[in-house]
Amino acid sequence: FTDEAVAAAMIDRLIHHAEVLTLDGESYRT
C-alpha cells in the first residue's frame, strides 16, 4: 500500500476478529 500507516490501520481492522492461517511448504505445481 506504499504507506505503513494505511497498512497498519487496515491490518488492525482485519485481524481484530479473524482467523489467520499461514501456509508454507513446496509449491503444489513443483
Full PDB file with SEQRES, HELIX, SHEET, SSBOND, CRYST1, ORIGX, SCALE, CONECT and MASTER records, all heavy atoms in Angstrom:
SEQRES   1 A   30  PHE THR ASP GLU ALA VAL ALA ALA ALA MET ILE ASP ARG          
SEQRES   2 A   30  LEU ILE HIS HIS ALA GLU VAL LEU THR LEU ASP GLY GLU          
SEQRES   3 A   30  SER TYR ARG THR                                              
HELIX    1 AA1 GLU A    4  HIS A   16  1                                  13    
CRYST1    1.000    1.000    1.000  90.00  90.00  90.00 P 1           1          
ORIGX1      1.000000  0.000000  0.000000        0.00000                         
ORIGX2      0.000000  1.000000  0.000000        0.00000                         
ORIGX3      0.000000  0.000000  1.000000        0.00000                         
SCALE1      1.000000  0.000000  0.000000        0.00000                         
SCALE2      0.000000  1.000000  0.000000        0.00000                         
SCALE3      0.000000  0.000000  1.000000        0.00000                         
ATOM      1  N   PHE A   1       0.807  -1.218   0.000  1.00  0.00           N  
ATOM      2  CA  PHE A   1       0.000   0.000   0.000  1.00  0.00           C  
ATOM      3  C   PHE A   1       0.841   1.269   0.000  1.00  0.00           C  
ATOM      4  O   PHE A   1       0.278   2.373   0.065  1.00  0.00           O  
ATOM      5  CB  PHE A   1      -0.938  -0.009   1.212  1.00  0.00           C  
ATOM      6  CG  PHE A   1      -1.879  -1.180   1.220  1.00  0.00           C  
ATOM      7  CD1 PHE A   1      -1.662  -2.268   2.066  1.00  0.00           C  
ATOM      8  CD2 PHE A   1      -2.968  -1.218   0.364  1.00  0.00           C  
ATOM      9  CE1 PHE A   1      -2.517  -3.361   2.059  1.00  0.00           C  
ATOM     10  CE2 PHE A   1      -3.829  -2.310   0.350  1.00  0.00           C  
ATOM     11  CZ  PHE A   1      -3.601  -3.382   1.206  1.00  0.00           C  
ATOM     12  N   THR A   2       2.155   1.111  -0.108  1.00  0.00           N  
ATOM     13  CA  THR A   2       3.102   2.237  -0.161  1.00  0.00           C  
ATOM     14  C   THR A   2       2.895   3.231   0.973  1.00  0.00           C  
ATOM     15  O   THR A   2       3.199   4.418   0.831  1.00  0.00           O  
ATOM     16  CB  THR A   2       3.019   2.985  -1.526  1.00  0.00           C  
ATOM     17  OG1 THR A   2       1.702   3.542  -1.686  1.00  0.00           O  
ATOM     18  CG2 THR A   2       3.314   2.045  -2.684  1.00  0.00           C  
ATOM     19  N   ASP A   3       2.355   2.769   2.083  1.00  0.00           N  
ATOM     20  CA  ASP A   3       2.113   3.635   3.236  1.00  0.00           C  
ATOM     21  C   ASP A   3       1.966   2.734   4.470  1.00  0.00           C  
ATOM     22  O   ASP A   3       0.993   1.979   4.578  1.00  0.00           O  
ATOM     23  CB  ASP A   3       0.844   4.463   3.024  1.00  0.00           C  
ATOM     24  CG  ASP A   3       0.667   5.531   4.094  1.00  0.00           C  
ATOM     25  OD1 ASP A   3       0.797   5.196   5.290  1.00  0.00           O  
ATOM     26  OD2 ASP A   3       0.369   6.690   3.739  1.00  0.00           O  
ATOM     27  N   GLU A   4       2.930   2.836   5.376  1.00  0.00           N  
ATOM     28  CA  GLU A   4       2.911   1.985   6.558  1.00  0.00           C  
ATOM     29  C   GLU A   4       1.701   2.263   7.440  1.00  0.00           C  
ATOM     30  O   GLU A   4       1.134   1.347   8.040  1.00  0.00           O  
ATOM     31  CB  GLU A   4       4.203   2.184   7.365  1.00  0.00           C  
ATOM     32  CG  GLU A   4       5.477   1.730   6.660  1.00  0.00           C  
ATOM     33  CD  GLU A   4       5.550   0.216   6.520  1.00  0.00           C  
ATOM     34  OE1 GLU A   4       4.786  -0.487   7.217  1.00  0.00           O  
ATOM     35  OE2 GLU A   4       6.375  -0.263   5.726  1.00  0.00           O  
ATOM     36  N   ALA A   5       1.307   3.552   7.538  1.00  0.00           N  
ATOM     37  CA  ALA A   5       0.182   3.918   8.400  1.00  0.00           C  
ATOM     38  C   ALA A   5      -1.124   3.320   7.877  1.00  0.00           C  
ATOM     39  O   ALA A   5      -1.936   2.791   8.644  1.00  0.00           O  
ATOM     40  CB  ALA A   5       0.070   5.434   8.508  1.00  0.00           C  
ATOM     41  N   VAL A   6      -1.335   3.395   6.558  1.00  0.00           N  
ATOM     42  CA  VAL A   6      -2.546   2.820   5.956  1.00  0.00           C  
ATOM     43  C   VAL A   6      -2.547   1.310   6.144  1.00  0.00           C  
ATOM     44  O   VAL A   6      -3.575   0.707   6.501  1.00  0.00           O  
ATOM     45  CB  VAL A   6      -2.626   3.184   4.460  1.00  0.00           C  
ATOM     46  CG1 VAL A   6      -3.734   2.385   3.771  1.00  0.00           C  
ATOM     47  CG2 VAL A   6      -2.874   4.675   4.290  1.00  0.00           C  
ATOM     48  N   ALA A   7      -1.391   0.687   5.913  1.00  0.00           N  
ATOM     49  CA  ALA A   7      -1.299  -0.759   6.075  1.00  0.00           C  
ATOM     50  C   ALA A   7      -1.598  -1.164   7.516  1.00  0.00           C  
ATOM     51  O   ALA A   7      -2.330  -2.122   7.758  1.00  0.00           O  
ATOM     52  CB  ALA A   7       0.087  -1.243   5.663  1.00  0.00           C  
ATOM     53  N   ALA A   8      -1.061  -0.442   8.478  1.00  0.00           N  
ATOM     54  CA  ALA A   8      -1.283  -0.764   9.886  1.00  0.00           C  
ATOM     55  C   ALA A   8      -2.752  -0.621  10.264  1.00  0.00           C  
ATOM     56  O   ALA A   8      -3.307  -1.470  10.988  1.00  0.00           O  
ATOM     57  CB  ALA A   8      -0.418   0.132  10.767  1.00  0.00           C  
ATOM     58  N   ALA A   9      -3.389   0.446   9.780  1.00  0.00           N  
ATOM     59  CA  ALA A   9      -4.805   0.662  10.083  1.00  0.00           C  
ATOM     60  C   ALA A   9      -5.663  -0.439   9.462  1.00  0.00           C  
ATOM     61  O   ALA A   9      -6.650  -0.887  10.058  1.00  0.00           O  
ATOM     62  CB  ALA A   9      -5.240   2.033   9.565  1.00  0.00           C  
ATOM     63  N   MET A  10      -5.283  -0.875   8.277  1.00  0.00           N  
ATOM     64  CA  MET A  10      -6.033  -1.926   7.597  1.00  0.00           C  
ATOM     65  C   MET A  10      -5.879  -3.256   8.326  1.00  0.00           C  
ATOM     66  O   MET A  10      -6.859  -3.970   8.569  1.00  0.00           O  
ATOM     67  CB  MET A  10      -5.537  -2.042   6.151  1.00  0.00           C  
ATOM     68  CG  MET A  10      -6.533  -2.669   5.200  1.00  0.00           C  
ATOM     69  SD  MET A  10      -5.997  -2.539   3.484  1.00  0.00           S  
ATOM     70  CE  MET A  10      -5.711  -0.801   3.296  1.00  0.00           C  
ATOM     71  N   ILE A  11      -4.642  -3.589   8.682  1.00  0.00           N  
ATOM     72  CA  ILE A  11      -4.386  -4.837   9.392  1.00  0.00           C  
ATOM     73  C   ILE A  11      -5.110  -4.860  10.723  1.00  0.00           C  
ATOM     74  O   ILE A  11      -5.683  -5.882  11.123  1.00  0.00           O  
ATOM     75  CB  ILE A  11      -2.862  -5.027   9.593  1.00  0.00           C  
ATOM     76  CG1 ILE A  11      -2.180  -5.258   8.239  1.00  0.00           C  
ATOM     77  CG2 ILE A  11      -2.585  -6.195  10.532  1.00  0.00           C  
ATOM     78  CD1 ILE A  11      -0.669  -5.188   8.296  1.00  0.00           C  
ATOM     79  N   ASP A  12      -5.113  -3.725  11.419  1.00  0.00           N  
ATOM     80  CA  ASP A  12      -5.778  -3.641  12.717  1.00  0.00           C  
ATOM     81  C   ASP A  12      -7.250  -4.011  12.611  1.00  0.00           C  
ATOM     82  O   ASP A  12      -7.783  -4.752  13.446  1.00  0.00           O  
ATOM     83  CB  ASP A  12      -5.624  -2.216  13.269  1.00  0.00           C  
ATOM     84  CG  ASP A  12      -6.263  -2.069  14.639  1.00  0.00           C  
ATOM     85  OD1 ASP A  12      -5.811  -2.728  15.583  1.00  0.00           O  
ATOM     86  OD2 ASP A  12      -7.238  -1.294  14.757  1.00  0.00           O  
ATOM     87  N   ARG A  13      -7.924  -3.520  11.578  1.00  0.00           N  
ATOM     88  CA  ARG A  13      -9.346  -3.816  11.391  1.00  0.00           C  
ATOM     89  C   ARG A  13      -9.562  -5.270  10.955  1.00  0.00           C  
ATOM     90  O   ARG A  13     -10.525  -5.913  11.360  1.00  0.00           O  
ATOM     91  CB  ARG A  13      -9.951  -2.856  10.373  1.00  0.00           C  
ATOM     92  CG  ARG A  13     -10.173  -1.446  10.919  1.00  0.00           C  
ATOM     93  CD  ARG A  13     -10.425  -0.438   9.809  1.00  0.00           C  
ATOM     94  NE  ARG A  13     -10.788   0.869  10.347  1.00  0.00           N  
ATOM     95  CZ  ARG A  13      -9.928   1.731  10.871  1.00  0.00           C  
ATOM     96  NH1 ARG A  13      -8.633   1.407  10.939  1.00  0.00           N  
ATOM     97  NH2 ARG A  13     -10.330   2.897  11.340  1.00  0.00           N  
ATOM     98  N   LEU A  14      -8.665  -5.754  10.119  1.00  0.00           N  
ATOM     99  CA  LEU A  14      -8.842  -7.105   9.583  1.00  0.00           C  
ATOM    100  C   LEU A  14      -8.666  -8.182  10.638  1.00  0.00           C  
ATOM    101  O   LEU A  14      -9.425  -9.148  10.682  1.00  0.00           O  
ATOM    102  CB  LEU A  14      -7.855  -7.346   8.435  1.00  0.00           C  
ATOM    103  CG  LEU A  14      -8.169  -6.675   7.095  1.00  0.00           C  
ATOM    104  CD1 LEU A  14      -7.000  -6.836   6.144  1.00  0.00           C  
ATOM    105  CD2 LEU A  14      -9.440  -7.251   6.493  1.00  0.00           C  
ATOM    106  N   ILE A  15      -7.648  -8.049  11.475  1.00  0.00           N  
ATOM    107  CA  ILE A  15      -7.320  -9.138  12.392  1.00  0.00           C  
ATOM    108  C   ILE A  15      -8.023  -9.026  13.738  1.00  0.00           C  
ATOM    109  O   ILE A  15      -7.894  -9.927  14.572  1.00  0.00           O  
ATOM    110  CB  ILE A  15      -5.795  -9.246  12.614  1.00  0.00           C  
ATOM    111  CG1 ILE A  15      -5.261  -8.024  13.365  1.00  0.00           C  
ATOM    112  CG2 ILE A  15      -5.086  -9.435  11.285  1.00  0.00           C  
ATOM    113  CD1 ILE A  15      -3.782  -8.168  13.736  1.00  0.00           C  
ATOM    114  N   HIS A  16      -8.775  -7.930  13.957  1.00  0.00           N  
ATOM    115  CA  HIS A  16      -9.482  -7.794  15.229  1.00  0.00           C  
ATOM    116  C   HIS A  16     -10.416  -8.975  15.476  1.00  0.00           C  
ATOM    117  O   HIS A  16     -10.503  -9.507  16.589  1.00  0.00           O  
ATOM    118  CB  HIS A  16     -10.269  -6.475  15.247  1.00  0.00           C  
ATOM    119  CG  HIS A  16     -10.934  -6.217  16.566  1.00  0.00           C  
ATOM    120  ND1 HIS A  16     -12.017  -5.381  16.706  1.00  0.00           N  
ATOM    121  CD2 HIS A  16     -10.684  -6.688  17.808  1.00  0.00           C  
ATOM    122  CE1 HIS A  16     -12.394  -5.351  17.979  1.00  0.00           C  
ATOM    123  NE2 HIS A  16     -11.599  -6.132  18.664  1.00  0.00           N  
ATOM    124  N   HIS A  17     -11.133  -9.388  14.440  1.00  0.00           N  
ATOM    125  CA  HIS A  17     -11.990 -10.579  14.520  1.00  0.00           C  
ATOM    126  C   HIS A  17     -11.622 -11.467  13.340  1.00  0.00           C  
ATOM    127  O   HIS A  17     -12.275 -11.420  12.296  1.00  0.00           O  
ATOM    128  CB  HIS A  17     -13.472 -10.196  14.442  1.00  0.00           C  
ATOM    129  CG  HIS A  17     -13.892  -9.169  15.444  1.00  0.00           C  
ATOM    130  ND1 HIS A  17     -13.981  -9.425  16.791  1.00  0.00           N  
ATOM    131  CD2 HIS A  17     -14.252  -7.868  15.283  1.00  0.00           C  
ATOM    132  CE1 HIS A  17     -14.388  -8.339  17.427  1.00  0.00           C  
ATOM    133  NE2 HIS A  17     -14.554  -7.387  16.540  1.00  0.00           N  
ATOM    134  N   ALA A  18     -10.579 -12.248  13.481  1.00  0.00           N  
ATOM    135  CA  ALA A  18     -10.114 -13.009  12.309  1.00  0.00           C  
ATOM    136  C   ALA A  18      -9.392 -14.276  12.720  1.00  0.00           C  
ATOM    137  O   ALA A  18      -8.825 -14.386  13.812  1.00  0.00           O  
ATOM    138  CB  ALA A  18      -9.187 -12.151  11.450  1.00  0.00           C  
ATOM    139  N   GLU A  19      -9.417 -15.225  11.794  1.00  0.00           N  
ATOM    140  CA  GLU A  19      -8.589 -16.432  11.882  1.00  0.00           C  
ATOM    141  C   GLU A  19      -7.495 -16.257  10.837  1.00  0.00           C  
ATOM    142  O   GLU A  19      -7.780 -16.081   9.643  1.00  0.00           O  
ATOM    143  CB  GLU A  19      -9.419 -17.668  11.570  1.00  0.00           C  
ATOM    144  CG  GLU A  19      -8.726 -18.979  11.878  1.00  0.00           C  
ATOM    145  CD  GLU A  19      -8.636 -19.277  13.365  1.00  0.00           C  
ATOM    146  OE1 GLU A  19      -9.693 -19.322  14.025  1.00  0.00           O  
ATOM    147  OE2 GLU A  19      -7.496 -19.471  13.854  1.00  0.00           O  
ATOM    148  N   VAL A  20      -6.245 -16.247  11.289  1.00  0.00           N  
ATOM    149  CA  VAL A  20      -5.108 -16.063  10.390  1.00  0.00           C  
ATOM    150  C   VAL A  20      -4.389 -17.394  10.247  1.00  0.00           C  
ATOM    151  O   VAL A  20      -3.949 -17.984  11.239  1.00  0.00           O  
ATOM    152  CB  VAL A  20      -4.138 -14.985  10.913  1.00  0.00           C  
ATOM    153  CG1 VAL A  20      -2.971 -14.816   9.946  1.00  0.00           C  
ATOM    154  CG2 VAL A  20      -4.867 -13.657  11.121  1.00  0.00           C  
ATOM    155  N   LEU A  21      -4.272 -17.873   9.010  1.00  0.00           N  
ATOM    156  CA  LEU A  21      -3.605 -19.153   8.746  1.00  0.00           C  
ATOM    157  C   LEU A  21      -2.401 -18.898   7.854  1.00  0.00           C  
ATOM    158  O   LEU A  21      -2.518 -18.240   6.816  1.00  0.00           O  
ATOM    159  CB  LEU A  21      -4.547 -20.134   8.064  1.00  0.00           C  
ATOM    160  CG  LEU A  21      -5.776 -20.528   8.871  1.00  0.00           C  
ATOM    161  CD1 LEU A  21      -7.018 -20.404   8.025  1.00  0.00           C  
ATOM    162  CD2 LEU A  21      -5.650 -21.939   9.358  1.00  0.00           C  
ATOM    163  N   THR A  22      -1.264 -19.419   8.265  1.00  0.00           N  
ATOM    164  CA  THR A  22      -0.045 -19.297   7.467  1.00  0.00           C  
ATOM    165  C   THR A  22       0.254 -20.633   6.811  1.00  0.00           C  
ATOM    166  O   THR A  22       0.420 -21.639   7.509  1.00  0.00           O  
ATOM    167  CB  THR A  22       1.143 -18.857   8.341  1.00  0.00           C  
ATOM    168  OG1 THR A  22       0.847 -17.598   8.942  1.00  0.00           O  
ATOM    169  CG2 THR A  22       2.401 -18.730   7.496  1.00  0.00           C  
ATOM    170  N   LEU A  23       0.286 -20.627   5.493  1.00  0.00           N  
ATOM    171  CA  LEU A  23       0.593 -21.839   4.732  1.00  0.00           C  
ATOM    172  C   LEU A  23       2.038 -21.784   4.294  1.00  0.00           C  
ATOM    173  O   LEU A  23       2.578 -20.707   3.996  1.00  0.00           O  
ATOM    174  CB  LEU A  23      -0.314 -21.964   3.515  1.00  0.00           C  
ATOM    175  CG  LEU A  23      -1.745 -22.474   3.760  1.00  0.00           C  
ATOM    176  CD1 LEU A  23      -2.568 -21.451   4.531  1.00  0.00           C  
ATOM    177  CD2 LEU A  23      -2.429 -22.788   2.446  1.00  0.00           C  
ATOM    178  N   ASP A  24       2.684 -22.911   4.260  1.00  0.00           N  
ATOM    179  CA  ASP A  24       4.088 -22.962   3.900  1.00  0.00           C  
ATOM    180  C   ASP A  24       4.320 -24.211   3.064  1.00  0.00           C  
ATOM    181  O   ASP A  24       3.384 -24.940   2.738  1.00  0.00           O  
ATOM    182  CB  ASP A  24       4.960 -22.975   5.158  1.00  0.00           C  
ATOM    183  CG  ASP A  24       6.359 -22.443   4.877  1.00  0.00           C  
ATOM    184  OD1 ASP A  24       6.699 -22.255   3.694  1.00  0.00           O  
ATOM    185  OD2 ASP A  24       7.113 -22.219   5.847  1.00  0.00           O  
ATOM    186  N   GLY A  25       5.567 -24.430   2.740  1.00  0.00           N  
ATOM    187  CA  GLY A  25       5.891 -25.663   2.043  1.00  0.00           C  
ATOM    188  C   GLY A  25       6.152 -25.466   0.567  1.00  0.00           C  
ATOM    189  O   GLY A  25       6.165 -24.350   0.043  1.00  0.00           O  
ATOM    190  N   GLU A  26       6.285 -26.590  -0.098  1.00  0.00           N  
ATOM    191  CA  GLU A  26       6.626 -26.613  -1.519  1.00  0.00           C  
ATOM    192  C   GLU A  26       5.406 -26.291  -2.371  1.00  0.00           C  
ATOM    193  O   GLU A  26       4.279 -26.633  -2.030  1.00  0.00           O  
ATOM    194  CB  GLU A  26       7.156 -28.001  -1.883  1.00  0.00           C  
ATOM    195  CG  GLU A  26       7.724 -28.115  -3.289  1.00  0.00           C  
ATOM    196  CD  GLU A  26       8.276 -29.501  -3.559  1.00  0.00           C  
ATOM    197  OE1 GLU A  26       8.134 -30.371  -2.682  1.00  0.00           O  
ATOM    198  OE2 GLU A  26       8.831 -29.705  -4.653  1.00  0.00           O  
ATOM    199  N   SER A  27       5.661 -25.623  -3.474  1.00  0.00           N  
ATOM    200  CA  SER A  27       4.602 -25.312  -4.419  1.00  0.00           C  
ATOM    201  C   SER A  27       3.890 -26.583  -4.869  1.00  0.00           C  
ATOM    202  O   SER A  27       4.517 -27.608  -5.144  1.00  0.00           O  
ATOM    203  CB  SER A  27       5.197 -24.599  -5.642  1.00  0.00           C  
ATOM    204  OG  SER A  27       4.370 -24.707  -6.773  1.00  0.00           O  
ATOM    205  N   TYR A  28       2.548 -26.516  -4.946  1.00  0.00           N  
ATOM    206  CA  TYR A  28       1.775 -27.655  -5.459  1.00  0.00           C  
ATOM    207  C   TYR A  28       2.267 -28.059  -6.842  1.00  0.00           C  
ATOM    208  O   TYR A  28       2.443 -29.232  -7.141  1.00  0.00           O  
ATOM    209  CB  TYR A  28       0.294 -27.268  -5.568  1.00  0.00           C  
ATOM    210  CG  TYR A  28      -0.498 -27.480  -4.314  1.00  0.00           C  
ATOM    211  CD1 TYR A  28      -1.116 -26.405  -3.690  1.00  0.00           C  
ATOM    212  CD2 TYR A  28      -0.657 -28.748  -3.754  1.00  0.00           C  
ATOM    213  CE1 TYR A  28      -1.859 -26.579  -2.532  1.00  0.00           C  
ATOM    214  CE2 TYR A  28      -1.395 -28.941  -2.612  1.00  0.00           C  
ATOM    215  CZ  TYR A  28      -1.993 -27.856  -2.001  1.00  0.00           C  
ATOM    216  OH  TYR A  28      -2.728 -28.027  -0.869  1.00  0.00           O  
ATOM    217  N   ARG A  29       2.477 -27.061  -7.686  1.00  0.00           N  
ATOM    218  CA  ARG A  29       2.854 -27.366  -9.069  1.00  0.00           C  
ATOM    219  C   ARG A  29       4.238 -28.016  -9.119  1.00  0.00           C  
ATOM    220  O   ARG A  29       4.465 -28.972  -9.865  1.00  0.00           O  
ATOM    221  CB  ARG A  29       2.797 -26.088  -9.905  1.00  0.00           C  
ATOM    222  CG  ARG A  29       1.387 -25.601 -10.143  1.00  0.00           C  
ATOM    223  CD  ARG A  29       1.356 -24.390 -11.058  1.00  0.00           C  
ATOM    224  NE  ARG A  29       1.777 -23.173 -10.387  1.00  0.00           N  
ATOM    225  CZ  ARG A  29       0.948 -22.379  -9.711  1.00  0.00           C  
ATOM    226  NH1 ARG A  29      -0.327 -22.698  -9.594  1.00  0.00           N  
ATOM    227  NH2 ARG A  29       1.381 -21.265  -9.146  1.00  0.00           N  
ATOM    228  N   THR A  30       5.176 -27.479  -8.315  1.00  0.00           N  
ATOM    229  CA  THR A  30       6.511 -28.062  -8.283  1.00  0.00           C  
ATOM    230  C   THR A  30       6.477 -29.472  -7.720  1.00  0.00           C  
ATOM    231  O   THR A  30       7.110 -30.393  -8.243  1.00  0.00           O  
ATOM    232  CB  THR A  30       7.454 -27.182  -7.435  1.00  0.00           C  
ATOM    233  OG1 THR A  30       7.498 -25.868  -7.999  1.00  0.00           O  
ATOM    234  CG2 THR A  30       8.851 -27.773  -7.396  1.00  0.00           C  
TER     235      THR A  30                                                      
MASTER        0    0    0    1    0    0    0    6  234    1    0    3          
END                                                                             
